Protein backbone atom coordinates (compact mmCIF):
# COMPACT_ATOMS: atom_id res chain seq x y z
CA MET A 1 -22.85 37.32 -21.09
CA VAL A 2 -21.57 35.06 -23.74
CA GLY A 3 -24.15 34.36 -26.63
CA TYR A 4 -27.64 35.70 -27.29
CA ASP A 5 -29.20 36.75 -23.95
CA PRO A 6 -33.20 37.42 -24.26
CA THR A 7 -33.68 39.00 -20.76
CA THR A 8 -31.53 42.06 -21.97
CA ASP A 9 -34.59 43.14 -23.99
CA GLY A 10 -32.61 44.74 -26.86
CA ARG A 11 -29.39 45.66 -24.67
CA ASN A 12 -27.52 43.15 -26.48
CA VAL A 13 -24.09 44.23 -27.60
CA SER A 14 -23.89 44.60 -31.29
CA LYS A 15 -22.43 42.09 -33.68
CA VAL A 16 -19.41 44.29 -34.50
CA GLU A 17 -19.04 44.62 -30.75
CA VAL A 18 -18.81 40.60 -30.23
CA ALA A 19 -16.45 39.92 -33.11
CA VAL A 20 -14.11 42.85 -31.65
CA ALA A 21 -14.41 41.29 -28.09
CA GLY A 22 -13.66 37.73 -29.24
CA SER A 23 -10.55 38.87 -31.10
CA VAL A 24 -9.20 40.93 -28.60
CA SER A 25 -9.79 37.84 -26.03
CA GLY A 26 -7.95 35.82 -28.49
CA LEU A 27 -5.14 38.29 -29.03
CA VAL A 28 -4.41 39.01 -25.09
CA THR A 29 -4.94 35.05 -24.27
CA ARG A 30 -2.44 33.70 -26.99
CA ALA A 31 0.18 36.50 -26.13
CA LEU A 32 0.18 35.25 -22.56
CA ILE A 33 -0.07 31.45 -23.12
CA SER A 34 2.62 31.42 -26.30
CA PRO A 35 5.46 29.77 -23.88
CA LEU A 36 3.52 27.16 -22.93
CA ASP A 37 1.96 26.35 -26.33
CA VAL A 38 5.72 26.30 -27.59
CA ILE A 39 6.76 23.84 -24.82
CA LYS A 40 3.81 21.75 -25.56
CA ILE A 41 4.46 21.47 -29.22
CA ARG A 42 8.14 20.51 -28.41
CA PHE A 43 6.76 17.59 -26.26
CA GLN A 44 4.24 16.53 -28.70
CA LEU A 45 6.77 16.12 -31.62
CA GLN A 46 9.70 14.38 -29.06
CA ILE A 47 9.93 10.81 -29.90
CA GLU A 48 11.73 9.84 -26.59
CA ARG A 49 9.68 9.58 -23.49
CA LEU A 50 9.46 12.73 -21.42
CA SER A 51 11.36 11.22 -18.69
CA ARG A 52 14.76 11.93 -16.75
CA ARG A 53 15.47 8.03 -17.19
CA ASP A 54 15.97 8.24 -20.86
CA PRO A 55 19.30 9.97 -21.62
CA SER A 56 18.20 10.55 -25.30
CA ALA A 57 15.42 12.82 -24.35
CA LYS A 58 15.86 16.25 -24.78
CA TYR A 59 13.15 17.73 -22.75
CA HIS A 60 11.54 15.75 -19.52
CA GLY A 61 9.73 18.48 -17.93
CA ILE A 62 8.10 21.98 -18.28
CA LEU A 63 10.66 23.79 -16.31
CA GLN A 64 13.62 21.83 -17.63
CA ALA A 65 12.28 22.61 -20.99
CA ALA A 66 11.59 26.02 -20.53
CA ARG A 67 15.44 26.74 -19.33
CA GLN A 68 16.61 24.47 -22.35
CA ILE A 69 14.93 26.50 -24.97
CA LEU A 70 16.04 29.80 -23.47
CA ARG A 71 19.60 28.48 -23.13
CA ASP A 72 19.63 27.11 -26.69
CA GLU A 73 17.53 29.36 -28.90
CA GLY A 74 17.05 32.72 -26.52
CA PRO A 75 13.71 34.25 -25.08
CA THR A 76 12.23 34.97 -28.33
CA ALA A 77 12.10 31.25 -29.07
CA PHE A 78 8.83 31.10 -26.96
CA TRP A 79 7.23 33.48 -29.46
CA LYS A 80 8.12 31.39 -32.33
CA GLY A 81 5.38 31.36 -34.71
CA HIS A 82 3.93 34.25 -32.91
CA ILE A 83 2.44 36.18 -36.12
CA PRO A 84 0.66 33.08 -37.15
CA ALA A 85 -0.24 32.49 -33.87
CA GLN A 86 -1.97 35.80 -33.35
CA LEU A 87 -3.90 35.89 -36.78
CA LEU A 88 -5.15 32.33 -35.90
CA SER A 89 -6.26 33.66 -32.18
CA VAL A 90 -7.94 36.95 -33.54
CA GLY A 91 -9.69 35.19 -36.51
CA TYR A 92 -10.57 32.20 -34.27
CA GLY A 93 -12.02 34.47 -31.40
CA ALA A 94 -13.91 36.46 -33.89
CA VAL A 95 -15.57 33.85 -35.74
CA GLN A 96 -16.55 31.72 -32.84
CA PHE A 97 -17.98 34.34 -30.68
CA LEU A 98 -19.62 35.89 -33.32
CA SER A 99 -21.08 32.67 -34.95
CA PHE A 100 -22.00 31.58 -31.26
CA GLU A 101 -24.03 34.81 -30.91
CA LEU A 102 -26.10 34.29 -34.39
CA LEU A 103 -26.76 30.85 -33.72
CA THR A 104 -28.04 31.13 -30.02
CA GLU A 105 -30.14 33.90 -31.29
CA LEU A 106 -31.37 31.91 -34.30
CA VAL A 107 -32.43 29.05 -31.98
CA HIS A 108 -34.10 31.29 -29.60
CA GLY A 109 -35.95 32.92 -32.46
CA ALA A 110 -37.08 29.95 -34.71
CA THR A 111 -37.65 27.24 -31.88
CA ALA A 112 -39.17 26.88 -28.67
CA HIS A 113 -35.71 26.50 -26.81
CA ASP A 114 -34.41 29.25 -24.69
CA ALA A 115 -31.07 30.80 -25.72
CA ARG A 116 -29.40 29.94 -22.47
CA GLU A 117 -30.42 26.33 -22.36
CA PHE A 118 -27.22 23.79 -21.33
CA SER A 119 -28.06 21.84 -24.51
CA VAL A 120 -28.43 25.26 -26.65
CA HIS A 121 -25.08 26.29 -25.70
CA PHE A 122 -23.61 22.93 -25.84
CA VAL A 123 -24.40 22.38 -29.74
CA CYS A 124 -24.20 26.11 -30.91
CA GLY A 125 -20.71 26.15 -28.89
CA GLY A 126 -19.61 23.16 -30.85
CA LEU A 127 -20.94 24.51 -34.22
CA SER A 128 -19.21 28.04 -33.59
CA ALA A 129 -15.76 26.36 -32.78
CA CYS A 130 -15.98 24.00 -35.92
CA MET A 131 -16.77 27.25 -37.96
CA ALA A 132 -13.82 28.94 -36.51
CA THR A 133 -11.45 25.83 -36.94
CA LEU A 134 -12.69 25.50 -40.62
CA THR A 135 -11.70 29.49 -41.08
CA VAL A 136 -8.40 29.67 -39.59
CA HIS A 137 -7.26 26.03 -39.92
CA PRO A 138 -4.32 26.86 -42.57
CA VAL A 139 -3.08 29.74 -40.14
CA ASP A 140 -3.04 26.91 -37.26
CA VAL A 141 -0.51 24.63 -39.45
CA LEU A 142 1.58 27.53 -40.11
CA ARG A 143 1.88 28.38 -36.52
CA THR A 144 2.69 24.53 -35.57
CA ARG A 145 5.53 24.35 -37.96
CA PHE A 146 6.90 27.41 -36.74
CA ALA A 147 6.74 26.43 -33.59
CA ALA A 148 7.96 23.04 -33.98
CA GLN A 149 11.14 24.24 -35.89
CA GLY A 150 14.36 24.52 -33.73
CA GLU A 151 17.79 25.58 -35.02
CA PRO A 152 18.55 25.82 -37.89
CA ARG A 153 15.05 27.35 -39.31
CA VAL A 154 13.32 25.64 -42.07
CA TYR A 155 11.19 28.57 -42.89
CA LYS A 156 12.44 32.23 -42.43
CA THR A 157 9.41 34.07 -42.91
CA LEU A 158 5.64 33.43 -43.07
CA ARG A 159 5.65 34.04 -46.91
CA ASP A 160 8.47 31.66 -47.29
CA ALA A 161 6.69 28.90 -45.16
CA VAL A 162 3.41 29.35 -47.27
CA VAL A 163 5.19 29.10 -50.80
CA THR A 164 7.61 26.43 -49.78
CA MET A 165 4.64 24.04 -48.14
CA HIS A 166 2.42 24.92 -51.15
CA ARG A 167 5.15 24.02 -53.64
CA THR A 168 6.54 20.96 -51.92
CA GLU A 169 3.40 19.32 -50.18
CA GLY A 170 0.51 20.96 -52.44
CA PRO A 171 -2.66 23.00 -51.44
CA LEU A 172 -4.04 20.52 -48.98
CA VAL A 173 -1.25 20.73 -46.77
CA PHE A 174 -2.87 23.43 -45.03
CA TYR A 175 -5.93 21.48 -43.82
CA LYS A 176 -3.76 18.54 -42.53
CA GLY A 177 -5.11 17.14 -39.27
CA LEU A 178 -8.61 19.02 -40.22
CA THR A 179 -10.85 15.89 -39.30
CA PRO A 180 -9.57 15.03 -35.71
CA THR A 181 -9.49 18.64 -34.75
CA LEU A 182 -13.24 18.94 -35.87
CA ILE A 183 -13.92 15.90 -33.61
CA ALA A 184 -11.93 17.22 -30.76
CA ILE A 185 -13.05 20.88 -30.79
CA PHE A 186 -16.94 20.18 -31.04
CA PRO A 187 -17.23 18.67 -27.58
CA TYR A 188 -14.47 20.55 -26.10
CA ALA A 189 -16.13 23.99 -27.10
CA GLY A 190 -19.62 22.75 -26.59
CA PHE A 191 -19.10 22.02 -22.96
CA GLN A 192 -16.93 25.10 -22.62
CA PHE A 193 -19.84 27.40 -23.11
CA SER A 194 -22.52 25.44 -21.96
CA CYS A 195 -20.48 24.85 -18.38
CA TYR A 196 -19.67 28.59 -18.32
CA SER A 197 -23.26 29.44 -18.78
CA SER A 198 -24.55 26.91 -16.27
CA LEU A 199 -21.87 28.12 -13.51
CA LYS A 200 -22.68 31.84 -14.24
CA SER A 201 -26.56 31.13 -13.68
CA ALA A 202 -25.44 29.17 -10.59
CA SER A 203 -23.53 31.97 -9.29
CA GLU A 204 -26.23 34.75 -10.05
CA TRP A 205 -28.61 32.22 -8.01
CA VAL A 206 -26.36 31.83 -4.83
CA VAL A 207 -25.21 35.63 -4.92
CA PRO A 208 -27.99 37.58 -6.67
CA ALA A 209 -26.80 40.85 -8.14
CA ARG A 210 -28.16 43.85 -6.23
CA GLY A 211 -30.06 46.47 -8.20
CA LYS A 212 -31.44 44.41 -11.10
CA GLN A 213 -34.50 46.03 -12.41
CA ASN A 214 -37.36 43.04 -13.21
CA GLY A 215 -39.13 44.53 -15.89
CA ALA A 216 -38.55 45.48 -19.88
CA ALA A 217 -39.66 47.80 -22.36
CA LEU A 218 -43.58 48.48 -22.55
CA GLN A 219 -45.79 47.93 -25.37
CA ARG A 220 -48.72 49.90 -26.04
CA PRO A 221 -51.48 47.78 -27.20
CA ALA A 222 -54.77 49.36 -28.04
CA GLY A 223 -58.45 48.83 -26.89
CA LEU A 224 -61.79 49.46 -28.55
CA ARG A 225 -65.12 50.24 -27.21
CA ARG A 226 -68.38 51.09 -28.74
CA ALA A 227 -70.84 53.35 -27.83
CA GLY A 228 -74.37 54.46 -29.06
CA ALA A 229 -75.30 58.03 -30.37
CA SER A 230 -76.02 59.11 -26.74
CA GLY A 231 -72.46 57.82 -25.54
CA GLY A 232 -74.03 54.72 -23.69
CA GLY A 233 -74.88 51.29 -25.65
CA ARG A 234 -73.26 47.74 -25.84
CA PRO A 235 -69.53 47.50 -24.76
CA GLY A 236 -67.16 45.91 -27.43
CA LEU A 237 -66.10 42.61 -26.68
CA LEU A 238 -62.71 43.33 -25.87
CA GLN A 239 -63.64 46.29 -23.40
CA GLY A 240 -61.55 44.59 -20.77
CA LEU A 241 -58.41 45.69 -22.72
CA VAL A 242 -59.10 49.19 -22.32
CA SER A 243 -57.26 50.82 -19.38
CA GLN A 244 -59.64 53.80 -18.81
CA PRO A 245 -62.97 54.44 -20.00
CA ALA A 246 -63.82 57.60 -21.96
CA GLU A 247 -67.15 59.50 -22.27
CA GLY A 248 -68.26 58.89 -25.79
CA ARG A 249 -69.90 61.24 -28.67
CA ALA A 250 -71.55 60.36 -31.87
CA LEU A 251 -69.80 60.06 -34.92
CA HIS A 252 -71.56 61.71 -37.95
CA GLY A 253 -74.92 59.96 -37.39
CA LEU A 254 -73.31 56.41 -37.60
CA GLY A 255 -74.28 55.87 -33.92
CA VAL A 256 -70.95 54.46 -33.09
CA LEU A 257 -67.92 55.45 -31.29
CA LEU A 258 -64.58 54.17 -31.57
CA VAL A 259 -62.34 54.86 -28.70
CA LEU A 260 -58.38 54.06 -28.76
CA SER A 261 -57.01 53.65 -25.41
CA VAL A 262 -53.35 53.28 -25.00
CA PHE A 263 -51.87 51.80 -21.84
CA PRO A 264 -48.53 50.07 -20.59
CA ALA A 265 -49.18 46.32 -20.78
CA ARG A 266 -45.97 45.21 -19.20
CA MET A 267 -45.69 47.01 -15.62
CA VAL A 268 -42.18 47.69 -14.59
CA MET A 269 -42.12 45.95 -11.04
CA GLY A 270 -41.30 48.11 -8.03
CA GLU A 271 -38.43 47.75 -5.67
CA SER A 272 -40.19 45.06 -4.00
CA GLY A 273 -39.89 42.98 -7.12
CA ARG A 274 -43.47 42.20 -6.80
CA GLU A 275 -46.58 43.00 -9.03
CA GLU A 276 -50.15 42.26 -8.76
CA TYR A 277 -52.15 40.14 -11.09
CA LYS A 278 -55.97 39.74 -11.24
CA ILE A 279 -56.55 36.31 -10.73
CA GLN A 280 -59.47 36.32 -8.54
CA SER A 281 -61.64 34.43 -11.18
CA PHE A 282 -59.57 31.08 -10.36
CA ASP A 283 -60.27 28.91 -7.49
CA ALA A 284 -57.95 29.31 -4.43
CA ASP A 285 -55.84 26.30 -5.48
CA THR A 286 -55.36 27.58 -8.92
CA GLN A 287 -54.65 30.99 -7.64
CA GLN A 288 -51.78 29.70 -5.41
CA LEU A 289 -50.08 27.62 -8.45
CA LEU A 290 -50.15 30.85 -10.67
CA LYS A 291 -48.50 33.09 -7.79
CA THR A 292 -45.94 30.26 -6.89
CA ALA A 293 -45.05 29.94 -10.63
CA LEU A 294 -44.49 33.85 -10.78
CA LYS A 295 -42.26 33.42 -7.82
CA ASP A 296 -40.45 30.48 -8.06
CA PRO A 297 -41.12 28.44 -11.22
CA GLY A 298 -38.88 25.65 -10.25
CA ALA A 299 -41.33 24.65 -7.34
CA VAL A 300 -44.27 24.02 -9.57
CA ASP A 301 -45.31 22.07 -12.61
CA LEU A 302 -44.86 24.57 -15.48
CA ASP A 303 -46.92 22.36 -18.06
CA LYS A 304 -49.61 22.68 -15.87
CA VAL A 305 -49.48 26.53 -15.39
CA ALA A 306 -49.11 27.19 -19.41
CA ASN A 307 -52.13 25.03 -19.85
CA VAL A 308 -54.01 26.59 -17.15
CA ILE A 309 -53.43 29.82 -18.44
CA VAL A 310 -54.17 29.12 -22.14
CA ASP A 311 -57.40 27.15 -21.08
CA HIS A 312 -58.42 30.17 -19.29
CA SER A 313 -57.50 32.70 -21.95
CA LEU A 314 -59.60 31.06 -24.44
CA GLN A 315 -62.55 31.42 -22.41
CA ASP A 316 -61.85 35.00 -20.85
CA CYS A 317 -60.86 37.91 -23.33
CA VAL A 318 -60.85 40.33 -20.14
CA PHE A 319 -58.19 37.87 -18.48
CA ILE A 320 -55.65 37.93 -21.57
CA LYS A 321 -54.21 41.15 -20.68
CA GLU A 322 -53.35 39.42 -17.53
CA ALA A 323 -52.13 36.30 -19.30
CA GLY A 324 -49.95 37.90 -21.28
CA ARG A 325 -48.07 39.82 -18.27
CA MET A 326 -48.05 36.55 -16.43
CA CYS A 327 -46.55 34.36 -19.11
CA TYR A 328 -43.88 37.31 -19.62
CA ALA A 329 -42.97 37.36 -15.89
CA ILE A 330 -42.88 33.50 -15.59
CA ILE A 331 -40.44 33.02 -18.68
CA GLN A 332 -38.34 35.77 -17.29
CA ALA A 333 -38.27 34.09 -13.77
CA GLU A 334 -37.60 30.57 -14.92
CA SER A 335 -34.71 31.83 -17.12
CA THR A 336 -33.22 33.57 -14.69
CA GLN A 337 -33.45 30.93 -11.93
CA ALA A 338 -32.71 27.92 -13.80
CA GLY A 339 -31.98 28.87 -17.43
CA GLN A 340 -34.43 26.80 -18.56
CA SER A 341 -37.70 27.20 -20.94
CA VAL A 342 -40.20 24.76 -19.94
CA PHE A 343 -42.96 27.00 -19.47
CA ARG A 344 -42.10 28.76 -22.81
CA ARG A 345 -41.88 25.55 -24.52
CA GLU A 346 -45.40 24.28 -23.49
CA LEU A 347 -46.95 27.57 -24.01
CA LEU A 348 -45.74 27.76 -27.45
CA ASN A 349 -46.77 23.96 -28.07
CA ARG A 350 -50.13 24.83 -26.85
CA LEU A 351 -50.61 27.79 -29.20
CA GLN A 352 -49.42 25.63 -31.93
CA GLN A 353 -52.22 22.92 -30.99
CA GLU A 354 -54.85 25.38 -30.74
CA TYR A 355 -53.50 27.05 -34.14
CA GLN A 356 -53.97 23.85 -36.00
CA ALA A 357 -57.61 23.45 -35.04
CA ARG A 358 -58.54 27.00 -35.46
CA GLU A 359 -61.21 26.34 -37.72
CA GLN A 360 -62.78 23.84 -35.59
CA LEU A 361 -62.43 26.19 -32.74
CA ARG A 362 -64.18 29.03 -34.83
CA ALA A 363 -67.17 26.73 -35.56
CA ARG A 364 -67.35 25.61 -32.24
CA SER A 365 -67.14 29.11 -30.33
CA LEU A 366 -66.98 32.40 -31.89
CA GLN A 367 -65.97 34.09 -28.73
CA GLY A 368 -63.12 31.19 -28.08
CA TRP A 369 -61.74 31.97 -31.34
CA VAL A 370 -61.53 35.70 -30.94
CA CYS A 371 -60.19 34.96 -27.59
CA TYR A 372 -57.77 32.73 -29.31
CA VAL A 373 -56.45 35.44 -31.91
CA THR A 374 -56.36 38.08 -29.23
CA PHE A 375 -54.00 35.58 -27.05
CA ILE A 376 -51.60 34.71 -29.86
CA CYS A 377 -51.19 38.30 -30.87
CA ASN A 378 -50.60 39.18 -27.11
CA ILE A 379 -47.95 36.80 -26.90
CA PHE A 380 -46.40 37.49 -30.20
CA ASP A 381 -46.09 41.26 -28.78
CA TYR A 382 -44.70 39.88 -25.57
CA LEU A 383 -42.20 37.39 -26.50
CA ARG A 384 -39.19 39.20 -28.28
CA VAL A 385 -35.84 38.24 -29.67
CA ASN A 386 -33.47 41.07 -29.65
CA ASN A 387 -36.16 43.57 -29.41
CA MET A 388 -37.78 41.90 -32.38
CA PRO A 389 -41.05 39.32 -32.32
CA MET A 390 -40.24 35.61 -32.44
CA MET A 391 -40.27 34.86 -36.32
CA ALA A 392 -41.97 31.46 -35.44
CA LEU A 393 -44.99 33.15 -34.51
CA VAL A 394 -45.24 35.49 -37.54
CA ASN A 395 -46.89 33.25 -40.18
CA PRO A 396 -49.65 31.92 -37.67
CA VAL A 397 -50.59 35.46 -36.63
CA TYR A 398 -51.05 36.63 -40.01
CA ASP A 399 -52.91 33.37 -40.80
CA CYS A 400 -55.47 34.38 -37.71
CA LEU A 401 -55.92 37.88 -39.29
CA PHE A 402 -56.16 36.60 -42.74
CA ARG A 403 -58.96 34.44 -41.33
CA LEU A 404 -60.42 37.35 -39.56
CA ALA A 405 -60.42 39.19 -42.97
CA GLN A 406 -62.32 36.66 -44.99
CA PRO A 407 -65.79 38.04 -45.97
CA ASP A 408 -67.76 35.50 -43.70
CA SER A 409 -65.74 36.72 -40.81
CA LEU A 410 -66.43 40.62 -41.50
CA SER A 411 -69.95 40.23 -41.58
CA THR A 412 -69.51 39.61 -37.82
CA GLU A 413 -68.81 42.78 -35.52
CA GLU A 414 -66.87 40.49 -32.95
CA GLU A 415 -64.51 39.65 -35.59
CA VAL A 416 -64.23 42.78 -37.05
CA ASP A 417 -63.32 44.26 -33.53
CA CYS A 418 -60.68 41.58 -33.30
CA LEU A 419 -59.07 42.16 -36.37
CA VAL A 420 -58.91 45.70 -35.91
CA LEU A 421 -57.72 45.73 -32.31
CA GLN A 422 -54.74 43.43 -33.29
CA LEU A 423 -53.77 45.40 -36.23
CA HIS A 424 -53.57 48.52 -33.98
CA ARG A 425 -51.64 46.17 -31.62
CA VAL A 426 -49.38 44.20 -33.72
CA GLY A 427 -49.64 45.43 -37.33
CA GLU A 428 -46.54 47.76 -37.77
CA GLN A 429 -44.24 44.86 -36.19
CA LEU A 430 -45.84 42.38 -38.55
CA GLU A 431 -45.31 44.46 -41.47
CA LYS A 432 -41.30 44.89 -40.57
CA MET A 433 -41.17 41.27 -40.59
CA ASN A 434 -43.14 40.51 -43.53
CA GLY A 435 -44.24 43.26 -45.79
CA GLN A 436 -45.71 41.65 -48.58
CA ARG A 437 -48.16 39.46 -46.41
CA MET A 438 -49.39 42.70 -44.85
CA ASP A 439 -50.02 44.12 -48.22
CA GLU A 440 -51.99 41.25 -49.28
CA LEU A 441 -53.95 41.31 -45.87
CA PHE A 442 -54.88 44.98 -46.67
CA VAL A 443 -56.14 44.10 -50.11
CA LEU A 444 -58.64 41.49 -48.38
CA ILE A 445 -59.68 44.27 -45.91
CA ARG A 446 -60.11 46.81 -48.68
CA ASP A 447 -62.22 44.47 -50.88
CA GLY A 448 -64.11 43.75 -47.49
CA PHE A 449 -64.74 47.28 -47.07
CA LEU A 450 -66.36 47.52 -50.60
CA LEU A 451 -68.35 44.47 -49.99
CA PRO A 452 -72.05 45.41 -51.31
CA ARG A 453 -73.72 43.90 -48.61
CA GLY A 454 -73.06 42.36 -45.31
CA LEU A 455 -71.23 44.92 -43.26
CA SER A 456 -72.67 46.78 -40.48
CA SER A 457 -72.04 50.46 -40.09
CA LEU A 458 -69.70 49.76 -37.42
CA ALA A 459 -67.60 47.33 -39.35
CA GLN A 460 -67.29 49.70 -42.10
CA LEU A 461 -66.03 52.40 -39.76
CA LEU A 462 -63.40 50.02 -38.48
CA LEU A 463 -62.29 49.01 -41.40
CA LEU A 464 -61.77 52.49 -42.81
CA GLU A 465 -60.03 53.60 -39.86
CA ILE A 466 -57.63 50.60 -39.97
CA ILE A 467 -56.84 51.42 -43.59
CA GLU A 468 -56.40 55.04 -42.80
CA PHE A 469 -54.09 54.02 -39.72
CA ARG A 470 -51.99 51.99 -41.93
CA ALA A 471 -51.56 54.48 -44.83
CA ALA A 472 -50.36 57.29 -42.37
CA GLY A 473 -47.44 54.85 -41.40
CA TRP A 474 -49.33 53.24 -38.58
CA THR A 475 -50.17 56.37 -36.71
CA THR A 476 -53.11 58.81 -36.44
CA THR A 477 -53.46 61.73 -38.53
CA PRO A 478 -54.96 65.04 -36.81
CA ALA A 479 -57.72 64.56 -39.15
CA ALA A 480 -58.28 60.92 -38.52
CA HIS A 481 -58.11 61.40 -34.94
CA LYS A 482 -60.80 64.23 -34.72
CA TYR A 483 -62.80 61.91 -36.86
CA TYR A 484 -62.61 58.64 -35.06
CA TYR A 485 -61.30 59.12 -31.54
CA SER A 486 -62.52 60.72 -28.38
CA GLU A 487 -59.85 62.50 -26.10
CA LEU A 488 -59.07 60.28 -23.17
CA PRO A 489 -58.51 61.94 -19.69
CA ASP A 490 -54.80 61.70 -18.23
């Protein structure tokens, strides 16, 4: 696949491999088409018409020109200027392919657009070609001069050409014709990349490849549950995220039990390519809408699907685990079938809208606020670029966690629950993306833990646990495991 492909889930080739592939393809192509390129340049430089009826015309057809050049100058004439031409092709191919890869990855990570959209490939393809042209245009000028000269030769060597042209015409000679070249190359390369992508997607849709694995690397988000000294007690707000219940035991008289449950959130589909989702809480029509979106995204209104999932997630934290899996599956299905990202774009738009109104949401409904934080962290954990979270979601997720670490939030057990759970889920990823903000967040958490009043014993335990968890490198030491966690059955 040319350009960044988010469906590979981290299996994209390296940047060095992209550059080498571009260079090699340019080298081979140039060696093969050099004779035609020489003939083309001779045609362009001939003032007379390319017609047999014009007796003064030296060349009047491709075959005739090839015979004429072979007879007058020998077979090596078809590779005149081949050394600068190869420098041009190798350099152009490397810069174009590498810049296209980087640009498509940047667009996918920093915007709501999918890296494989027609428009993304058109713009990134055009820009990458312009970058490559700027890099190698001097070599292109040299190649043209060598290919155009007949006998006797004006330039004997590459060094002679550079010195002579610089002395007689000045340094700007190496950028002659740059403006029309850029104007021509942008749409040419843009359509080349975008049409290739569209035709490739169409071919995969008509003749699907066998043995494709629908699925991705699994994350391991955490769930929390509270229990009383006797092992029972009030279940935590996010108990629905725990895959397996565990029998509790008291912890040093605090009367609380923290259970960490690790489970695969994104399950790999079986051979049938189907996966069951718990959507029984929806009415029959909405269930059918979601099922169709998972199977054939192009057949439904994906804006409506995104809004249905977000609206329900803000009301039901238990559903959020299913919501994350469904969003991931719909995005994968849509990009595979149509090469578009309507659902992904609408999903991110809704997240942004709710993010901007987060204070109003918290004031209106504490449950809705906690559900929103859980949902955006879940989506942050699912939507990846080159096996890394989306940069566009890093600061919004941080802002939500900072809000949960404020003193008024720490006095509410539900918000402390949510803060600790989400740091278990995405804390390590967030720190890799922006370590300074994570340091600032844990200053708030530490200060909150030291508050003289307002914290429940449960909140103190949770905050102490997450402080030690991060201090140990986002892992649980044997001592902390013994103190905080109960064992889960296999």
